[in-house]
């Protein structure tokens, strides 16, 4: 009986350490496709909310019902980050392909993601 109790306690202790907690990340993968996104849909922007910024809806590229194509994602509120400028999700054309660029926060508003910016927060940079 004692052996079973000790064994069950050891199994329980081992499973406590094995609990996996998902981490939140801002890592995104930009998608490159040769199909242009449809025109943006008209959305009614809700009244402003304190501490929030409205990010407009966009066309996302997803696998849906057995095929890949654009799927509309409606606009939503994101928490405000004081001292940062928000650039919403968008599609740009590069070398004959359409490339998705996820929404991101930028410290100095120059459009360069902070991880690639050699001089973030430089007010004299052009």
Protein backbone atom coordinates (compact mmCIF):
# COMPACT_ATOMS: atom_id res chain seq x y z
CA UNK A 1 0.00 0.00 0.00
CA UNK A 2 2.80 2.41 0.89
CA UNK A 3 4.56 1.56 -2.37
CA UNK A 4 1.47 2.49 -4.40
CA UNK A 5 1.11 5.78 -2.51
CA UNK A 6 4.76 6.71 -3.03
CA UNK A 7 4.56 5.76 -6.70
CA UNK A 8 1.40 7.84 -7.25
CA UNK A 9 3.02 10.83 -5.50
CA UNK A 10 6.08 10.52 -7.74
CA UNK A 11 3.89 10.39 -10.86
CA UNK A 12 1.90 13.41 -9.68
CA UNK A 13 5.09 15.37 -8.94
CA UNK A 14 6.48 14.50 -12.35
CA UNK A 15 3.37 15.70 -14.17
CA UNK A 16 3.37 19.05 -12.36
CA UNK A 17 6.68 19.94 -14.01
CA UNK A 18 5.43 18.79 -17.39
CA UNK A 19 2.67 21.37 -17.68
CA UNK A 20 3.24 23.45 -20.81
CA UNK A 21 2.21 27.09 -20.78
CA UNK A 22 1.85 28.71 -24.21
CA UNK A 23 3.83 31.88 -24.67
CA UNK A 24 2.57 35.00 -26.39
CA UNK A 25 4.73 36.33 -29.18
CA UNK A 26 4.70 39.10 -31.76
CA UNK A 27 6.44 36.89 -34.29
CA UNK A 28 4.64 36.75 -37.63
CA UNK A 29 5.49 35.24 -40.96
CA UNK A 30 4.90 37.48 -43.95
CA UNK A 31 3.11 35.71 -46.79
CA UNK A 32 4.11 36.10 -50.45
CA UNK A 33 1.49 35.25 -53.09
CA UNK A 34 0.85 36.09 -56.74
CA UNK A 35 -2.88 36.80 -56.22
CA UNK A 36 -3.84 40.40 -55.48
CA UNK A 37 -6.11 40.94 -52.48
CA UNK A 38 -9.71 42.04 -53.19
CA UNK A 39 -10.68 45.68 -52.50
CA UNK A 40 -11.00 46.56 -48.82
CA UNK A 41 -14.47 46.31 -47.33
CA UNK A 42 -16.19 49.33 -45.83
CA UNK A 43 -16.38 49.12 -42.05
CA UNK A 44 -18.13 51.38 -39.60
CA UNK A 45 -15.53 52.44 -37.04
CA UNK A 46 -16.97 52.30 -33.51
CA UNK A 47 -16.74 55.26 -31.15
CA UNK A 48 -13.28 55.70 -29.58
CA UNK A 49 -12.42 53.72 -26.47
CA UNK A 50 -10.03 54.88 -23.78
CA UNK A 51 -6.66 53.13 -24.02
CA UNK A 52 -7.51 51.39 -27.30
CA UNK A 53 -6.70 51.95 -30.99
CA UNK A 54 -8.93 50.69 -33.81
CA UNK A 55 -7.13 48.62 -36.40
CA UNK A 56 -9.13 48.29 -39.63
CA UNK A 57 -10.13 45.01 -41.22
CA UNK A 58 -7.92 43.35 -43.84
CA UNK A 59 -7.70 40.45 -46.26
CA UNK A 60 -5.61 37.58 -44.88
CA UNK A 61 -4.23 34.65 -46.90
CA UNK A 62 -5.39 31.35 -45.42
CA UNK A 63 -6.04 27.74 -46.23
CA UNK A 64 -9.80 27.49 -46.19
CA UNK A 65 -11.95 24.56 -47.25
CA UNK A 66 -9.21 22.77 -49.12
CA UNK A 67 -7.71 25.76 -50.94
CA UNK A 68 -5.68 28.88 -50.30
CA UNK A 69 -7.31 32.25 -50.79
CA UNK A 70 -8.02 35.63 -49.20
CA UNK A 71 -10.30 35.66 -46.15
CA UNK A 72 -11.68 38.88 -44.63
CA UNK A 73 -10.71 39.62 -41.02
CA UNK A 74 -12.87 42.33 -39.42
CA UNK A 75 -11.37 45.30 -37.61
CA UNK A 76 -10.74 45.14 -33.88
CA UNK A 77 -9.41 47.12 -30.94
CA UNK A 78 -5.78 46.82 -29.81
CA UNK A 79 -4.39 48.14 -26.52
CA UNK A 80 -2.67 51.50 -26.92
CA UNK A 81 1.09 51.74 -26.41
CA UNK A 82 2.04 55.27 -25.46
CA UNK A 83 5.02 56.62 -27.39
CA UNK A 84 4.49 54.21 -30.31
CA UNK A 85 2.82 54.55 -33.71
CA UNK A 86 0.67 51.67 -34.98
CA UNK A 87 0.94 50.59 -38.63
CA UNK A 88 -2.02 48.37 -39.59
CA UNK A 89 -1.90 45.14 -41.59
CA UNK A 90 -1.42 45.77 -45.31
CA UNK A 91 -0.48 44.19 -48.63
CA UNK A 92 2.38 45.59 -50.71
CA UNK A 93 3.58 44.57 -54.14
CA UNK A 94 7.23 43.53 -54.48
CA UNK A 95 8.94 41.91 -57.46
CA UNK A 96 5.64 40.82 -59.00
CA UNK A 97 4.30 39.26 -55.79
CA UNK A 98 1.90 40.48 -53.12
CA UNK A 99 3.44 40.44 -49.63
CA UNK A 100 1.43 40.69 -46.41
CA UNK A 101 2.80 42.90 -43.66
CA UNK A 102 1.23 42.35 -40.25
CA UNK A 103 0.26 45.27 -38.07
CA UNK A 104 3.06 46.45 -35.82
CA UNK A 105 4.10 49.09 -33.33
CA UNK A 106 6.94 51.47 -34.19
CA UNK A 107 8.71 53.70 -31.68
CA UNK A 108 9.72 56.51 -34.02
CA UNK A 109 7.04 56.28 -36.72
CA UNK A 110 9.50 55.84 -39.60
CA UNK A 111 7.87 52.62 -40.83
CA UNK A 112 10.97 50.50 -40.17
CA UNK A 113 10.24 47.67 -37.71
CA UNK A 114 12.17 48.31 -34.51
CA UNK A 115 14.08 45.02 -34.76
CA UNK A 116 15.58 46.27 -38.06
CA UNK A 117 15.95 49.92 -37.05
CA UNK A 118 19.57 50.94 -36.39
CA UNK A 119 18.57 54.17 -34.65
CA UNK A 120 15.13 53.78 -33.05
CA UNK A 121 13.72 56.85 -31.31
CA UNK A 122 15.93 59.24 -33.31
CA UNK A 123 13.75 62.34 -33.90
CA UNK A 124 16.23 63.76 -36.50
CA UNK A 125 16.30 60.65 -38.70
CA UNK A 126 14.85 61.00 -42.19
